[in-house]
């Protein structure tokens, strides 16, 4: 799943470690989210949205796979 997490975090001048501490996850989790290697749990997605005062859709871009 694509996301704008890194862009949003950098715009606000927040380091990966600061965000990880605020959300009670590891810095590696934040890095994996930003690189698209890891999709968040719904709970973590809500925590991120609340932290940044955005909607989940403002952060994460859901693209349905084409069905043939």
N, C-alpha and C. Protein backbone atom coordinates (compact mmCIF):
# COMPACT_ATOMS: atom_id res chain seq x y z
N UNK A 1 0.85 -1.18 0.00
CA UNK A 1 0.00 0.00 0.00
C UNK A 1 0.89 1.24 0.00
N UNK A 2 0.60 2.15 -0.90
CA UNK A 2 1.38 3.39 -0.95
C UNK A 2 0.93 4.31 0.16
N UNK A 3 1.85 5.21 0.56
CA UNK A 3 1.48 6.18 1.58
C UNK A 3 2.31 7.45 1.45
N UNK A 4 1.87 8.47 2.14
CA UNK A 4 2.54 9.77 2.14
C UNK A 4 3.22 10.03 3.49
N UNK A 5 3.44 8.98 4.26
CA UNK A 5 3.93 9.12 5.62
C UNK A 5 5.25 9.88 5.69
N UNK A 6 6.22 9.49 4.88
CA UNK A 6 7.53 10.16 4.93
C UNK A 6 7.40 11.63 4.57
N UNK A 7 6.64 11.92 3.53
CA UNK A 7 6.43 13.31 3.11
C UNK A 7 5.79 14.14 4.23
N UNK A 8 4.75 13.61 4.84
CA UNK A 8 4.05 14.32 5.91
C UNK A 8 4.97 14.52 7.11
N UNK A 9 5.68 13.47 7.49
CA UNK A 9 6.58 13.53 8.64
C UNK A 9 7.67 14.59 8.42
N UNK A 10 8.28 14.59 7.24
CA UNK A 10 9.35 15.55 6.95
C UNK A 10 8.83 16.98 6.88
N UNK A 11 7.64 17.16 6.31
CA UNK A 11 7.04 18.50 6.25
C UNK A 11 6.89 19.10 7.64
N UNK A 12 6.64 18.24 8.61
CA UNK A 12 6.41 18.70 9.97
C UNK A 12 7.67 18.67 10.83
N UNK A 13 8.79 18.29 10.22
CA UNK A 13 10.06 18.31 10.92
C UNK A 13 10.17 17.28 12.04
N UNK A 14 9.55 16.13 11.84
CA UNK A 14 9.56 15.08 12.86
C UNK A 14 10.49 13.97 12.42
N UNK A 15 11.35 13.54 13.32
CA UNK A 15 12.27 12.44 13.01
C UNK A 15 11.55 11.11 13.16
N UNK A 16 12.06 10.09 12.46
CA UNK A 16 11.47 8.76 12.56
C UNK A 16 11.41 8.30 14.02
N UNK A 17 12.48 8.54 14.77
CA UNK A 17 12.52 8.11 16.17
C UNK A 17 11.46 8.80 17.01
N UNK A 18 11.25 10.09 16.78
CA UNK A 18 10.23 10.83 17.53
C UNK A 18 8.84 10.25 17.26
N UNK A 19 8.56 9.97 15.99
CA UNK A 19 7.26 9.42 15.61
C UNK A 19 7.09 8.02 16.21
N UNK A 20 8.15 7.23 16.12
CA UNK A 20 8.10 5.87 16.68
C UNK A 20 7.81 5.91 18.18
N UNK A 21 8.49 6.80 18.90
CA UNK A 21 8.26 6.92 20.35
C UNK A 21 6.83 7.32 20.64
N UNK A 22 6.31 8.29 19.88
CA UNK A 22 4.95 8.78 20.11
C UNK A 22 3.91 7.68 19.87
N UNK A 23 4.21 6.79 18.93
CA UNK A 23 3.24 5.74 18.58
C UNK A 23 3.54 4.40 19.25
N UNK A 24 4.62 4.38 20.04
CA UNK A 24 5.03 3.17 20.76
C UNK A 24 5.32 2.01 19.82
N UNK A 25 6.06 2.32 18.75
CA UNK A 25 6.55 1.30 17.82
C UNK A 25 8.05 1.55 17.63
N UNK A 26 8.72 0.66 16.91
CA UNK A 26 10.15 0.84 16.68
C UNK A 26 10.39 1.80 15.50
N UNK A 27 11.58 2.37 15.46
CA UNK A 27 11.95 3.23 14.34
C UNK A 27 11.95 2.41 13.05
N UNK A 28 12.33 1.13 13.16
CA UNK A 28 12.33 0.25 12.00
C UNK A 28 10.92 0.09 11.42
N UNK A 29 9.91 0.06 12.29
CA UNK A 29 8.52 -0.04 11.83
C UNK A 29 8.16 1.19 11.00
N UNK A 30 8.55 2.37 11.48
CA UNK A 30 8.27 3.60 10.73
C UNK A 30 8.98 3.57 9.38
N UNK A 31 10.24 3.15 9.37
CA UNK A 31 10.99 3.05 8.12
C UNK A 31 10.35 2.08 7.15
N UNK A 32 9.90 0.94 7.65
CA UNK A 32 9.25 -0.05 6.80
C UNK A 32 7.93 0.46 6.24
N UNK A 33 7.19 1.19 7.05
CA UNK A 33 5.94 1.80 6.57
C UNK A 33 6.23 2.78 5.44
N UNK A 34 7.23 3.65 5.68
CA UNK A 34 7.55 4.68 4.69
C UNK A 34 8.04 4.08 3.38
N UNK A 35 8.71 2.96 3.45
CA UNK A 35 9.25 2.31 2.25
C UNK A 35 8.25 1.36 1.59
N UNK A 36 7.07 1.23 2.19
CA UNK A 36 6.04 0.37 1.61
C UNK A 36 6.29 -1.11 1.81
N UNK A 37 7.22 -1.46 2.72
CA UNK A 37 7.51 -2.87 2.98
C UNK A 37 6.54 -3.47 3.99
N UNK A 38 5.79 -2.61 4.65
CA UNK A 38 4.93 -3.05 5.74
C UNK A 38 3.64 -2.25 5.70
N UNK A 39 2.51 -2.93 5.76
CA UNK A 39 1.22 -2.27 5.87
C UNK A 39 0.83 -2.23 7.34
N UNK A 40 0.35 -1.09 7.81
CA UNK A 40 0.03 -0.98 9.23
C UNK A 40 -1.23 -1.75 9.62
N UNK A 41 -1.29 -2.13 10.87
CA UNK A 41 -2.55 -2.64 11.40
C UNK A 41 -3.55 -1.48 11.37
N UNK A 42 -4.81 -1.80 11.46
CA UNK A 42 -5.81 -0.73 11.47
C UNK A 42 -5.62 0.17 12.68
N UNK A 43 -5.20 -0.41 13.80
CA UNK A 43 -4.96 0.39 15.02
C UNK A 43 -3.82 1.37 14.78
N UNK A 44 -2.72 0.90 14.18
CA UNK A 44 -1.60 1.79 13.91
C UNK A 44 -1.97 2.86 12.89
N UNK A 45 -2.76 2.51 11.90
CA UNK A 45 -3.21 3.50 10.92
C UNK A 45 -4.02 4.60 11.60
N UNK A 46 -4.90 4.22 12.52
CA UNK A 46 -5.67 5.22 13.26
C UNK A 46 -4.77 6.08 14.15
N UNK A 47 -3.78 5.46 14.79
CA UNK A 47 -2.85 6.22 15.63
C UNK A 47 -2.08 7.26 14.81
N UNK A 48 -1.63 6.85 13.63
CA UNK A 48 -0.92 7.77 12.75
C UNK A 48 -1.83 8.93 12.33
N UNK A 49 -3.05 8.61 11.95
CA UNK A 49 -4.00 9.64 11.53
C UNK A 49 -4.27 10.63 12.66
N UNK A 50 -4.47 10.11 13.86
CA UNK A 50 -4.73 10.99 15.00
C UNK A 50 -3.51 11.84 15.34
N UNK A 51 -2.33 11.22 15.28
CA UNK A 51 -1.09 11.95 15.58
C UNK A 51 -0.93 13.16 14.66
N UNK A 52 -1.17 12.95 13.38
CA UNK A 52 -0.99 14.02 12.39
C UNK A 52 -2.26 14.85 12.18
N UNK A 53 -3.35 14.49 12.88
CA UNK A 53 -4.64 15.17 12.74
C UNK A 53 -5.09 15.18 11.28
N UNK A 54 -4.99 14.00 10.66
CA UNK A 54 -5.41 13.80 9.29
C UNK A 54 -6.32 12.57 9.24
N UNK A 55 -6.94 12.35 8.10
CA UNK A 55 -7.70 11.11 7.95
C UNK A 55 -6.74 10.02 7.50
N UNK A 56 -7.13 8.78 7.69
CA UNK A 56 -6.31 7.66 7.22
C UNK A 56 -6.08 7.79 5.71
N UNK A 57 -7.11 8.21 4.98
CA UNK A 57 -7.01 8.35 3.53
C UNK A 57 -6.04 9.45 3.12
N UNK A 58 -5.80 10.43 4.00
CA UNK A 58 -4.82 11.48 3.71
C UNK A 58 -3.39 10.93 3.75
N UNK A 59 -3.19 9.85 4.48
CA UNK A 59 -1.86 9.28 4.66
C UNK A 59 -1.64 8.07 3.74
N UNK A 60 -2.63 7.19 3.71
CA UNK A 60 -2.49 5.94 2.97
C UNK A 60 -3.32 5.96 1.70
N UNK A 61 -2.73 5.45 0.62
CA UNK A 61 -3.39 5.43 -0.68
C UNK A 61 -3.74 3.99 -1.01
N UNK A 62 -5.02 3.70 -0.97
CA UNK A 62 -5.48 2.34 -1.27
C UNK A 62 -5.79 2.25 -2.75
N UNK A 63 -5.14 1.32 -3.41
CA UNK A 63 -5.38 1.11 -4.82
C UNK A 63 -5.85 -0.32 -5.01
N UNK A 64 -7.06 -0.48 -5.48
CA UNK A 64 -7.57 -1.84 -5.72
C UNK A 64 -6.82 -2.46 -6.89
N UNK A 65 -6.52 -3.73 -6.76
CA UNK A 65 -5.87 -4.44 -7.84
C UNK A 65 -6.88 -4.67 -8.96
N UNK A 66 -6.43 -4.51 -10.16
CA UNK A 66 -7.31 -4.74 -11.32
C UNK A 66 -7.68 -6.22 -11.37
N UNK A 67 -8.95 -6.45 -11.57
CA UNK A 67 -9.41 -7.84 -11.68
C UNK A 67 -9.76 -8.13 -13.13
N UNK A 68 -9.27 -9.25 -13.61
CA UNK A 68 -9.51 -9.57 -15.02
C UNK A 68 -10.30 -10.75 -15.19
